[in-house]
Amino acid sequence: MEGVVSASASTDPLVGTQSVDPEWTAEALREADRDDSIDAVVLRVNSPGGSPAASWEIYQAVSEMEKPVVVSVGDVAASGAYYFSSAADLIVAAPSSQVGSIGVILAAVDLEELLEKVGMKYTVLTRGDYKDMGHVSRELTEEEKDILRQQMDLIYQQFISDVAKARDPLNEREVEELANGLTFPGEEALEKGLVDRTGSYRDALDAAAELSGFEPDGYGVTSLDKDRGVGLLSLLFGTSGEGGLREWGIQLLKTAGAGVSPSSVPLFR
């Protein structure tokens, strides 16, 4: 799972940057859970986080899985990416992976002085006292900052509560102590209870096989890619079975949503 977590996930054709699509991911997990030829799922995660709503959607889908789910951390599983990773049965990270960054950030750009210098003016018409809150043409008022802080606090507490629920025996107080926005190297994350083991992607596959009752060499793996991009899911199946997934696909009909200014949306990053 590569890139920023976003409900408007896409691939940039020029630089090849990818996003983690919550709709596709959640449906892929549900299909894997229903498929009798699949015994476990490994999520390969390499993401700095992103949208709280999109991260929560994936968290819910992972939480609802009846089959074992193991997360294999690549370079980073931070913020929203750690949020949904925490719901897995097991998290395996490399000793040098960056894990955690539990927190919320919101950035509002104020271009008022710049616009004055270049002689550019905005005419903003609204109905509703706060409809233009976060607009680039002016600075946030103190009242608006207080409103946004309250909203961020709710999201922050939800983050802490859900991680504590998933990462038992960590409790909310212990998670809150770690919720300072920092990432931790895999070795330190293990000591703090944010991951379960240090190891490679292969170690994560073996761990999923172990949870499924297979011997280390008694399973096969099918990688499921989105848009022929980075491997998202590794689906484990017993070698004595039907050979795993032969025909597997998901078709999602999606409509483009209206754009939302990043300045008005909190992020898990």
Protein backbone atom coordinates (compact mmCIF):
# COMPACT_ATOMS: atom_id res chain seq x y z
CA MET A 1 0.00 0.00 0.00
CA GLU A 2 2.06 2.82 -1.40
CA GLY A 3 1.60 6.57 -1.04
CA VAL A 4 -0.81 8.93 0.68
CA VAL A 5 -4.10 7.54 2.00
CA SER A 6 -6.86 9.38 0.17
CA ALA A 7 -10.47 8.85 -0.83
CA SER A 8 -9.58 10.44 -4.17
CA ALA A 9 -6.71 8.02 -4.77
CA SER A 10 -4.93 8.21 -8.08
CA THR A 11 -1.64 7.66 -9.88
CA ASP A 12 0.31 10.60 -11.27
CA PRO A 13 1.24 9.57 -14.84
CA LEU A 14 4.32 11.82 -14.84
CA VAL A 15 6.06 10.89 -11.60
CA GLY A 16 4.28 7.64 -10.85
CA THR A 17 3.28 8.59 -7.31
CA GLN A 18 0.43 6.50 -6.01
CA SER A 19 -2.28 6.83 -3.41
CA VAL A 20 -3.95 4.26 -1.21
CA ASP A 21 -7.62 3.95 -2.23
CA PRO A 22 -9.86 3.03 0.74
CA GLU A 23 -12.75 1.82 -1.43
CA TRP A 24 -10.61 -0.56 -3.44
CA THR A 25 -8.69 -1.74 -0.40
CA ALA A 26 -11.78 -2.39 1.71
CA GLU A 27 -13.51 -4.29 -1.10
CA ALA A 28 -10.36 -6.32 -1.79
CA LEU A 29 -10.21 -7.34 1.87
CA ARG A 30 -13.88 -8.32 1.93
CA GLU A 31 -13.48 -10.38 -1.24
CA ALA A 32 -10.43 -12.10 0.23
CA ASP A 33 -12.37 -12.88 3.40
CA ARG A 34 -15.17 -14.49 1.36
CA ASP A 35 -12.86 -16.50 -0.89
CA ASP A 36 -12.47 -20.07 0.45
CA SER A 37 -9.17 -20.53 -1.39
CA ILE A 38 -7.52 -17.77 0.65
CA ASP A 39 -6.31 -18.42 4.17
CA ALA A 40 -4.58 -15.18 5.17
CA VAL A 41 -3.75 -11.69 3.91
CA VAL A 42 -0.49 -9.77 4.14
CA LEU A 43 -0.62 -6.00 3.64
CA ARG A 44 2.66 -4.49 2.47
CA VAL A 45 2.48 -0.93 3.83
CA ASN A 46 4.69 1.97 2.77
CA SER A 47 2.76 5.15 3.48
CA PRO A 48 3.09 8.43 5.43
CA GLY A 49 -0.66 8.51 6.15
CA GLY A 50 -3.27 10.91 4.84
CA SER A 51 -7.02 11.42 5.21
CA PRO A 52 -8.53 10.46 8.60
CA ALA A 53 -11.78 9.33 6.97
CA ALA A 54 -10.01 7.17 4.37
CA SER A 55 -7.69 5.70 7.02
CA TRP A 56 -10.69 4.87 9.22
CA GLU A 57 -12.41 3.08 6.33
CA ILE A 58 -9.42 0.77 5.90
CA TYR A 59 -9.13 0.34 9.68
CA GLN A 60 -12.75 -0.85 9.77
CA ALA A 61 -12.21 -3.28 6.89
CA VAL A 62 -9.09 -4.77 8.52
CA SER A 63 -10.89 -5.01 11.89
CA GLU A 64 -13.78 -6.92 10.33
CA MET A 65 -11.56 -9.57 8.72
CA GLU A 66 -12.15 -13.09 10.04
CA LYS A 67 -9.02 -14.44 8.35
CA PRO A 68 -5.57 -13.52 9.69
CA VAL A 69 -4.18 -10.18 8.51
CA VAL A 70 -0.48 -9.41 8.86
CA VAL A 71 1.06 -6.03 8.07
CA SER A 72 4.56 -5.89 6.62
CA VAL A 73 6.02 -2.39 7.00
CA GLY A 74 8.33 -1.15 4.26
CA ASP A 75 10.06 2.20 4.80
CA VAL A 76 7.23 3.76 6.74
CA ALA A 77 3.82 3.14 8.28
CA ALA A 78 3.01 6.50 9.79
CA SER A 79 -0.04 8.35 11.03
CA GLY A 80 -3.12 7.20 9.04
CA ALA A 81 -1.16 4.25 7.66
CA TYR A 82 -0.30 3.17 11.20
CA TYR A 83 -3.94 3.77 12.15
CA PHE A 84 -5.24 1.05 9.82
CA SER A 85 -2.17 -1.16 10.34
CA SER A 86 -2.90 -1.28 14.06
CA ALA A 87 -6.06 -3.31 13.34
CA ALA A 88 -4.06 -6.23 11.90
CA ASP A 89 -3.47 -9.42 13.86
CA LEU A 90 0.28 -8.91 13.62
CA ILE A 91 2.60 -6.08 12.52
CA VAL A 92 6.10 -6.91 11.25
CA ALA A 93 8.53 -4.02 10.65
CA ALA A 94 12.14 -3.83 9.59
CA PRO A 95 14.47 -2.64 12.37
CA SER A 96 14.92 0.65 10.49
CA SER A 97 11.30 1.14 9.37
CA GLN A 98 9.65 4.32 10.62
CA VAL A 99 6.47 3.52 12.56
CA GLY A 100 3.89 5.56 14.44
CA SER A 101 3.45 9.34 14.07
CA ILE A 102 0.14 9.19 15.93
CA GLY A 103 -1.33 12.66 15.63
CA VAL A 104 -3.33 15.08 13.48
CA ILE A 105 -2.22 18.09 11.44
CA LEU A 106 -4.17 20.83 9.72
CA ALA A 107 -2.48 23.53 7.61
CA ALA A 108 -4.27 26.67 6.45
CA VAL A 109 -2.51 28.85 3.88
CA ASP A 110 -2.88 32.62 4.28
CA LEU A 111 -1.99 34.50 1.09
CA GLU A 112 -3.58 37.83 2.06
CA GLU A 113 -0.34 39.86 2.16
CA LEU A 114 1.02 38.25 -1.00
CA LEU A 115 -2.19 38.97 -2.87
CA GLU A 116 -2.03 42.60 -1.79
CA LYS A 117 1.55 42.91 -3.10
CA VAL A 118 0.64 41.60 -6.54
CA GLY A 119 -2.57 43.63 -6.65
CA MET A 120 -4.90 40.65 -6.68
CA LYS A 121 -8.21 40.66 -4.84
CA TYR A 122 -10.71 37.93 -4.01
CA THR A 123 -14.43 38.54 -3.85
CA VAL A 124 -15.89 35.82 -1.63
CA LEU A 125 -19.66 35.53 -1.24
CA THR A 126 -20.96 33.17 1.42
CA ARG A 127 -24.11 32.10 3.22
CA GLY A 128 -23.13 30.83 6.64
CA ASP A 129 -20.80 32.51 9.13
CA TYR A 130 -17.93 30.05 8.67
CA LYS A 131 -18.35 29.05 5.03
CA ASP A 132 -15.08 30.73 3.98
CA MET A 133 -13.11 29.47 6.98
CA GLY A 134 -9.63 28.55 5.78
CA HIS A 135 -9.90 30.48 2.51
CA VAL A 136 -6.49 31.61 1.26
CA SER A 137 -7.59 35.24 0.95
CA ARG A 138 -7.52 35.87 4.70
CA GLU A 139 -6.12 34.73 8.01
CA LEU A 140 -8.13 32.48 10.30
CA THR A 141 -9.76 34.30 13.20
CA GLU A 142 -9.08 33.14 16.76
CA GLU A 143 -12.65 31.87 16.98
CA GLU A 144 -12.15 29.81 13.81
CA LYS A 145 -8.86 28.43 15.13
CA ASP A 146 -10.66 27.32 18.31
CA ILE A 147 -13.35 25.59 16.24
CA LEU A 148 -10.75 23.72 14.18
CA ARG A 149 -8.79 22.75 17.32
CA GLN A 150 -11.94 21.24 18.82
CA GLN A 151 -12.61 19.27 15.63
CA MET A 152 -9.00 18.07 15.53
CA ASP A 153 -9.20 17.01 19.18
CA LEU A 154 -12.15 14.76 18.35
CA ILE A 155 -10.25 13.11 15.48
CA TYR A 156 -7.10 12.83 17.64
CA GLN A 157 -9.00 11.09 20.45
CA GLN A 158 -10.66 8.74 17.95
CA PHE A 159 -7.20 7.85 16.62
CA ILE A 160 -5.90 7.10 20.12
CA SER A 161 -9.01 5.14 21.13
CA ASP A 162 -9.01 2.95 18.02
CA VAL A 163 -5.28 2.18 18.23
CA ALA A 164 -5.64 1.27 21.91
CA LYS A 165 -8.59 -0.99 21.07
CA ALA A 166 -6.60 -2.75 18.35
CA ARG A 167 -3.19 -2.90 20.06
CA ASP A 168 -4.21 -4.58 23.32
CA PRO A 169 -2.58 -4.66 25.88
CA LEU A 170 -1.75 -0.99 25.17
CA ASN A 171 -4.36 1.20 26.85
CA GLU A 172 -5.47 4.71 25.87
CA ARG A 173 -3.14 6.39 28.36
CA GLU A 174 -0.15 4.48 27.00
CA VAL A 175 -1.09 5.24 23.39
CA GLU A 176 -1.56 8.92 24.24
CA GLU A 177 1.97 9.03 25.63
CA LEU A 178 3.18 7.85 22.21
CA ALA A 179 0.81 10.17 20.32
CA ASN A 180 3.28 13.03 19.90
CA GLY A 181 3.58 12.91 16.11
CA LEU A 182 6.96 11.15 16.16
CA THR A 183 7.80 8.03 14.23
CA PHE A 184 9.98 5.37 15.84
CA PRO A 185 12.46 2.99 14.22
CA GLY A 186 11.16 -0.58 14.07
CA GLU A 187 13.31 -1.75 16.98
CA GLU A 188 12.03 1.04 19.21
CA ALA A 189 8.46 0.59 17.96
CA LEU A 190 8.71 -3.04 19.06
CA GLU A 191 9.80 -1.99 22.56
CA LYS A 192 6.89 0.46 22.77
CA GLY A 193 4.33 -2.12 21.66
CA LEU A 194 3.49 -0.50 18.33
CA VAL A 195 4.63 -3.56 16.35
CA ASP A 196 4.84 -7.25 17.20
CA ARG A 197 8.02 -8.39 15.48
CA THR A 198 10.94 -7.06 13.51
CA GLY A 199 11.60 -8.74 10.22
CA SER A 200 11.30 -8.69 6.46
CA TYR A 201 8.40 -9.13 4.06
CA ARG A 202 9.24 -12.84 3.90
CA ASP A 203 9.06 -12.99 7.69
CA ALA A 204 5.60 -11.44 7.49
CA LEU A 205 4.50 -14.09 4.99
CA ASP A 206 5.81 -16.84 7.28
CA ALA A 207 4.00 -15.25 10.22
CA ALA A 208 0.72 -15.23 8.27
CA ALA A 209 1.28 -18.88 7.37
CA GLU A 210 1.91 -19.66 11.02
CA LEU A 211 -1.35 -17.98 12.02
CA SER A 212 -3.11 -20.09 9.37
CA GLY A 213 -1.56 -23.34 10.61
CA PHE A 214 0.80 -23.89 7.66
CA GLU A 215 4.37 -25.05 7.73
CA PRO A 216 6.94 -22.43 6.59
CA ASP A 217 7.19 -24.10 3.15
CA GLY A 218 3.60 -25.30 2.96
CA TYR A 219 1.87 -22.33 1.42
CA GLY A 220 1.63 -20.39 -1.82
CA VAL A 221 1.29 -16.66 -2.38
CA THR A 222 -0.68 -14.63 -4.91
CA SER A 223 0.06 -10.92 -5.07
CA LEU A 224 -2.87 -8.68 -5.91
CA ASP A 225 -1.92 -5.41 -7.60
CA LYS A 226 -4.01 -2.33 -8.23
CA ASP A 227 -3.59 -0.78 -11.69
CA ARG A 228 -0.55 -3.02 -12.20
CA GLY A 229 1.19 -0.93 -9.56
CA VAL A 230 2.68 -1.72 -6.19
CA GLY A 231 1.63 -5.04 -4.66
CA LEU A 232 -1.15 -4.31 -2.21
CA LEU A 233 -2.21 -7.66 -0.90
CA SER A 234 -0.45 -10.97 -0.66
CA LEU A 235 -2.99 -13.76 -0.45
CA LEU A 236 -1.84 -16.97 1.18
CA PHE A 237 -3.28 -20.37 0.35
CA GLY A 238 -2.36 -23.93 1.21
CA THR A 239 -0.32 -25.72 -1.43
CA SER A 240 -2.56 -28.74 -1.05
CA GLY A 241 -5.58 -26.70 -2.11
CA GLU A 242 -6.79 -25.53 -5.49
CA GLY A 243 -3.70 -23.46 -6.12
CA GLY A 244 -5.14 -20.26 -4.78
CA LEU A 245 -6.55 -17.41 -6.77
CA ARG A 246 -6.78 -18.08 -10.48
CA GLU A 247 -9.36 -15.54 -11.51
CA TRP A 248 -9.79 -12.63 -9.17
CA GLY A 249 -10.90 -9.13 -9.89
CA ILE A 250 -12.90 -6.28 -8.53
CA GLN A 251 -14.78 -3.77 -10.59
CA LEU A 252 -15.67 -0.55 -8.86
CA LEU A 253 -17.81 2.10 -10.51
CA LYS A 254 -16.65 5.41 -9.10
CA THR A 255 -17.70 8.98 -9.72
CA ALA A 256 -15.37 11.91 -9.29
CA GLY A 257 -16.13 13.89 -6.14
CA ALA A 258 -16.01 17.63 -5.77
CA GLY A 259 -12.61 18.96 -4.79
CA VAL A 260 -12.07 19.98 -1.18
CA SER A 261 -9.39 22.48 -0.23
CA PRO A 262 -6.56 20.76 1.68
CA SER A 263 -6.49 23.80 3.97
CA SER A 264 -9.84 22.80 5.42
CA VAL A 265 -9.16 19.10 5.94
CA PRO A 266 -7.19 17.60 8.85
CA LEU A 267 -4.65 14.96 7.92
CA PHE A 268 -3.05 11.97 9.59
CA ARG A 269 0.49 12.78 8.51
